[in-house]
Protein backbone atom coordinates (compact mmCIF):
# COMPACT_ATOMS: atom_id res chain seq x y z
CA UNK A 1 0.00 0.00 0.00
CA UNK A 2 2.87 2.40 0.73
CA UNK A 3 4.08 2.00 -2.85
CA UNK A 4 0.66 3.10 -4.10
CA UNK A 5 1.34 6.44 -2.39
CA UNK A 6 4.80 6.92 -3.92
CA UNK A 7 7.02 5.13 -1.41
CA UNK A 8 9.92 2.98 -2.55
CA UNK A 9 10.53 -0.16 -0.50
CA UNK A 10 14.05 -1.58 -0.53
CA UNK A 11 13.59 -4.94 1.13
CA UNK A 12 16.38 -7.46 1.79
CA UNK A 13 19.01 -4.95 0.67
CA UNK A 14 22.28 -4.04 2.30
CA UNK A 15 22.52 -0.37 3.24
CA UNK A 16 26.23 0.36 2.93
CA UNK A 17 26.12 3.99 4.02
CA UNK A 18 24.30 7.22 3.77
CA UNK A 19 24.53 10.95 4.25
CA UNK A 20 22.32 13.96 4.64
CA UNK A 21 22.21 16.19 1.55
CA UNK A 22 20.13 19.32 2.07
CA UNK A 23 16.54 18.25 2.64
CA UNK A 24 17.28 14.69 1.40
CA UNK A 25 19.11 11.63 2.60
CA UNK A 26 21.28 9.76 0.11
CA UNK A 27 21.66 6.07 0.89
CA UNK A 28 24.10 3.67 -0.73
CA UNK A 29 22.08 0.48 -1.18
CA UNK A 30 23.70 -2.59 -2.73
CA UNK A 31 26.25 -0.38 -4.48
CA UNK A 32 23.77 2.15 -5.87
CA UNK A 33 22.77 5.56 -4.54
CA UNK A 34 19.15 6.18 -3.60
CA UNK A 35 17.95 9.76 -2.98
CA UNK A 36 15.27 9.83 -0.29
CA UNK A 37 12.91 12.47 1.07
CA UNK A 38 12.34 10.37 4.20
CA UNK A 39 13.96 7.21 5.54
CA UNK A 40 12.42 4.72 7.94
CA UNK A 41 15.13 2.57 9.50
CA UNK A 42 13.78 -0.85 10.47
CA UNK A 43 16.81 -2.37 12.16
CA UNK A 44 15.40 -3.23 15.56
CA UNK A 45 17.64 -2.23 18.45
CA UNK A 46 20.23 -0.89 16.00
CA UNK A 47 17.88 1.61 14.31
CA UNK A 48 18.88 4.55 16.49
CA UNK A 49 22.62 4.04 15.90
CA UNK A 50 22.19 3.56 12.14
CA UNK A 51 20.08 6.72 11.81
CA UNK A 52 22.63 8.68 13.87
CA UNK A 53 25.51 7.31 11.77
CA UNK A 54 23.80 8.32 8.51
CA UNK A 55 23.22 11.86 9.72
CA UNK A 56 26.76 12.19 11.07
CA UNK A 57 28.28 11.32 7.65
CA UNK A 58 27.66 14.85 6.35
CA UNK A 59 30.99 16.59 6.87
CA UNK A 60 29.72 19.81 5.28
CA UNK A 61 27.04 20.41 7.92
CA UNK A 62 27.57 22.92 10.70
CA UNK A 63 27.23 21.75 14.29
CA UNK A 64 23.89 23.62 14.57
CA UNK A 65 22.61 21.87 11.44
CA UNK A 66 23.73 18.48 12.82
CA UNK A 67 21.89 19.18 16.08
CA UNK A 68 18.73 20.00 14.12
CA UNK A 69 19.09 16.78 12.10
CA UNK A 70 19.60 14.75 15.29
CA UNK A 71 16.26 16.04 16.59
CA UNK A 72 14.56 14.18 13.72
CA UNK A 73 15.58 10.85 15.25
CA UNK A 74 12.97 9.72 17.78
CA UNK A 75 14.14 9.15 21.33
CA UNK A 76 15.07 5.53 22.00
CA UNK A 77 13.72 3.75 25.05
CA UNK A 78 13.44 0.17 26.18
CA UNK A 79 10.29 -1.42 27.51
CA UNK A 80 9.88 -4.72 29.30
CA UNK A 81 6.96 -6.89 28.33
CA UNK A 82 5.12 -9.65 30.14
CA UNK A 83 3.24 -12.39 28.33
CA UNK A 84 0.51 -14.49 29.85
CA UNK A 85 -1.26 -17.62 28.60
CA UNK A 86 -4.89 -18.53 29.24
CA UNK A 87 -5.18 -22.04 30.65
CA UNK A 88 -8.11 -24.31 29.82
CA UNK A 89 -9.94 -21.60 27.86
CA UNK A 90 -10.63 -20.92 24.24
CA UNK A 91 -8.55 -18.04 22.93
CA UNK A 92 -10.77 -14.94 22.72
CA UNK A 93 -8.83 -13.45 19.78
CA UNK A 94 -8.18 -14.77 16.31
CA UNK A 95 -5.42 -12.19 15.69
CA UNK A 96 -2.81 -10.36 17.70
CA UNK A 97 -4.06 -7.17 19.36
CA UNK A 98 -1.57 -4.33 19.79
CA UNK A 99 -2.38 -1.05 21.53
CA UNK A 100 -0.86 2.29 20.62
CA UNK A 101 2.36 2.93 22.58
CA UNK A 102 2.03 5.16 25.60
CA UNK A 103 3.86 8.47 24.87
CA UNK A 104 5.22 8.42 28.43
CA UNK A 105 6.94 5.10 27.68
CA UNK A 106 5.89 1.51 27.49
CA UNK A 107 3.99 -0.51 24.96
CA UNK A 108 0.65 -1.00 26.71
CA UNK A 109 -1.03 -4.37 27.16
CA UNK A 110 -0.69 -6.87 24.31
CA UNK A 111 -3.37 -9.48 23.91
CA UNK A 112 -1.94 -12.42 21.96
């Protein structure tokens, strides 16, 4: 669906590097450069570091500009989850149920 709205998905590709270039981000993906308006880094616990590394690759940026770019990276926080199993009961859900994350931290209650 994202592609229907103009997004480009680069799945199962190796991102070899990247840099900020004005309003864009230029990624090197499998040896080719990809100019991006926005980048969503889906690298699990490493996402924050990868996004920071990409933004820090721009040697031409001033320190003020780098600070502004760093603000675009969401704050990273860890949340502990607990899972419970219903015993001797039919499962009330046919699919996983995920709440919206609490802006104060945490992931809410997951019914699986």
